[in-house]
Amino acid sequence: MAGIFGIDEDKFLPIYRSSRNPYDRGDFTGDTYWAEFARRAGVTIHANQVESLRRLDREMWSNVNEEMTEWLASIHSRGIKTAILSNMQTDMAAHVRKNFAWLRHFDHQIFIRGIVFESVERLRKDLQALGFPILPGSSADGNSHADR
């Protein structure tokens, strides 16, 4: 990734580490994140480079632990309710949903940050389906920003 910017790893890593949380939190789209990254690195990048960075980023986080996915399939096939609750950013969440067959072994898929909840009511329904009580002050009680 540093090579796309034409900078060395010593310059790349501090920018990456200090800017990653806002991206993962959903403050930026992939395009905006990498454009801002380039600005901080003091370089100009083009749309095709941004797309390459987004692809490389998805690939970097796409290592599948076969032992865990086999275990997931096994418990799911025995009727044990399963769920994924994740804060992955939008690009990664879309990539996972499109490319990872093991996702079908989750009865409930909850992506907090990567994909904005359709509504607080949907979040409440998903959590209640798993048997979780909705506590006052939680993100599912309608008094937070979970649906924004």
Protein backbone atom coordinates (compact mmCIF):
# COMPACT_ATOMS: atom_id res chain seq x y z
CA MET A 1 0.00 0.00 0.00
CA ALA A 2 2.84 2.36 0.81
CA GLY A 3 4.12 1.78 -2.71
CA ILE A 4 0.92 3.17 -4.22
CA PHE A 5 1.59 6.40 -2.35
CA GLY A 6 5.26 6.34 -3.27
CA ILE A 7 6.26 6.57 0.39
CA ASP A 8 8.23 4.22 2.61
CA GLU A 9 6.74 2.08 5.34
CA ASP A 10 8.15 4.36 8.07
CA LYS A 11 5.97 7.20 6.79
CA PHE A 12 2.99 5.01 5.87
CA LEU A 13 2.46 3.16 9.16
CA PRO A 14 2.05 6.17 11.49
CA ILE A 15 -0.56 7.69 9.18
CA TYR A 16 -2.32 4.35 8.83
CA ARG A 17 -2.39 3.68 12.56
CA SER A 18 -3.56 7.17 13.50
CA SER A 19 -6.29 7.35 10.86
CA ARG A 20 -7.67 3.84 10.86
CA ASN A 21 -10.15 4.09 13.74
CA PRO A 22 -12.24 6.86 12.13
CA TYR A 23 -12.42 4.82 8.92
CA ASP A 24 -13.42 1.65 10.75
CA ARG A 25 -15.94 3.65 12.77
CA GLY A 26 -17.61 4.71 9.53
CA ASP A 27 -16.65 8.37 9.63
CA PHE A 28 -15.31 8.11 6.05
CA THR A 29 -16.18 6.22 2.91
CA GLY A 30 -13.35 4.25 1.33
CA ASP A 31 -12.82 6.96 -1.28
CA THR A 32 -12.76 9.75 1.30
CA TYR A 33 -10.49 7.84 3.66
CA TRP A 34 -7.80 7.15 1.06
CA ALA A 35 -8.00 10.69 -0.36
CA GLU A 36 -7.48 12.08 3.15
CA PHE A 37 -4.66 9.59 3.70
CA ALA A 38 -2.96 10.87 0.53
CA ARG A 39 -3.36 14.47 1.71
CA ARG A 40 -1.72 13.61 5.03
CA ALA A 41 1.07 11.80 3.18
CA GLY A 42 1.56 14.87 0.98
CA VAL A 43 0.87 13.05 -2.28
CA THR A 44 -1.74 13.04 -5.01
CA ILE A 45 -3.48 9.83 -5.98
CA HIS A 46 -5.98 9.03 -8.72
CA ALA A 47 -9.29 7.16 -8.67
CA ASN A 48 -7.75 3.92 -9.98
CA GLN A 49 -5.20 4.03 -7.16
CA VAL A 50 -7.94 4.58 -4.60
CA GLU A 51 -9.75 1.51 -5.94
CA SER A 52 -6.50 -0.49 -5.67
CA LEU A 53 -6.07 0.64 -2.06
CA ARG A 54 -9.62 -0.35 -1.21
CA ARG A 55 -9.09 -3.78 -2.81
CA LEU A 56 -5.77 -4.33 -1.04
CA ASP A 57 -7.31 -3.29 2.27
CA ARG A 58 -10.13 -5.82 1.86
CA GLU A 59 -7.67 -8.55 0.90
CA MET A 60 -5.44 -7.77 3.87
CA TRP A 61 -8.33 -8.40 6.28
CA SER A 62 -9.73 -11.43 4.41
CA ASN A 63 -7.71 -14.31 5.83
CA VAL A 64 -10.13 -17.08 6.71
CA ASN A 65 -9.49 -19.40 9.63
CA GLU A 66 -10.73 -22.69 8.17
CA GLU A 67 -10.79 -24.41 11.57
CA MET A 68 -13.15 -21.77 12.93
CA THR A 69 -15.44 -21.76 9.89
CA GLU A 70 -15.68 -25.56 10.04
CA TRP A 71 -16.55 -25.34 13.74
CA LEU A 72 -19.16 -22.67 12.97
CA ALA A 73 -20.73 -24.89 10.28
CA SER A 74 -20.72 -27.82 12.70
CA ILE A 75 -22.50 -26.07 15.56
CA HIS A 76 -24.92 -24.38 13.19
CA SER A 77 -25.84 -27.72 11.60
CA ARG A 78 -26.70 -29.03 15.09
CA GLY A 79 -29.28 -26.27 15.52
CA ILE A 80 -27.25 -24.00 17.78
CA LYS A 81 -28.19 -20.36 17.16
CA THR A 82 -25.29 -18.34 15.87
CA ALA A 83 -24.71 -14.65 15.27
CA ILE A 84 -22.02 -12.29 14.13
CA LEU A 85 -21.79 -8.84 15.66
CA SER A 86 -19.15 -6.80 13.88
CA ASN A 87 -17.93 -3.26 13.52
CA MET A 88 -16.15 -3.76 10.19
CA GLN A 89 -16.14 -0.79 7.86
CA THR A 90 -18.41 -0.59 4.85
CA ASP A 91 -16.03 -1.91 2.16
CA MET A 92 -15.12 -4.93 4.24
CA ALA A 93 -18.69 -5.70 5.28
CA ALA A 94 -19.82 -5.64 1.65
CA HIS A 95 -16.88 -7.85 0.66
CA VAL A 96 -17.66 -10.37 3.40
CA ARG A 97 -21.33 -10.53 2.49
CA LYS A 98 -20.51 -11.05 -1.19
CA ASN A 99 -17.59 -13.48 -0.92
CA PHE A 100 -17.63 -15.51 2.27
CA ALA A 101 -19.93 -18.53 2.08
CA TRP A 102 -19.43 -19.23 5.79
CA LEU A 103 -21.55 -16.19 6.60
CA ARG A 104 -24.65 -18.31 5.85
CA HIS A 105 -23.95 -20.23 9.06
CA PHE A 106 -24.93 -17.21 11.13
CA ASP A 107 -28.61 -16.99 11.94
CA HIS A 108 -28.21 -13.28 12.63
CA GLN A 109 -25.76 -10.85 11.07
CA ILE A 110 -25.32 -7.54 12.84
CA PHE A 111 -22.91 -5.02 11.35
CA ILE A 112 -22.83 -2.00 13.63
CA ARG A 113 -20.47 0.34 11.86
CA GLY A 114 -19.75 -1.08 8.45
CA ILE A 115 -23.36 -1.12 7.41
CA VAL A 116 -25.75 1.31 9.02
CA PHE A 117 -28.68 -0.32 10.75
CA GLU A 118 -31.90 -0.05 8.85
CA SER A 119 -33.45 1.17 12.07
CA VAL A 120 -33.24 0.88 15.82
CA GLU A 121 -36.27 -1.40 15.57
CA ARG A 122 -34.30 -3.81 13.34
CA LEU A 123 -31.43 -3.86 15.85
CA ARG A 124 -33.89 -4.50 18.68
CA LYS A 125 -35.50 -7.35 16.72
CA ASP A 126 -32.12 -8.98 15.95
CA LEU A 127 -30.96 -8.77 19.57
CA GLN A 128 -34.26 -10.07 20.93
CA ALA A 129 -34.17 -12.97 18.44
CA LEU A 130 -30.90 -13.97 20.07
CA GLY A 131 -32.50 -13.79 23.51
CA PHE A 132 -30.76 -10.62 24.65
CA PRO A 133 -32.77 -8.27 26.86
CA ILE A 134 -32.89 -4.67 25.69
CA LEU A 135 -31.53 -2.60 28.54
CA PRO A 136 -32.31 1.10 29.02
CA GLY A 137 -29.39 3.16 27.76
CA SER A 138 -28.22 0.46 25.33
CA SER A 139 -27.81 1.19 21.63
CA ALA A 140 -30.99 -0.77 20.95
CA ASP A 141 -33.30 1.18 23.26
CA GLY A 142 -33.88 3.92 20.69
CA ASN A 143 -31.94 6.56 22.60
CA SER A 144 -28.62 6.34 20.81
CA HIS A 145 -27.14 6.89 17.37
CA ALA A 146 -27.14 3.24 16.25
CA ASP A 147 -29.54 3.97 13.39
CA ARG A 148 -27.71 7.00 12.02
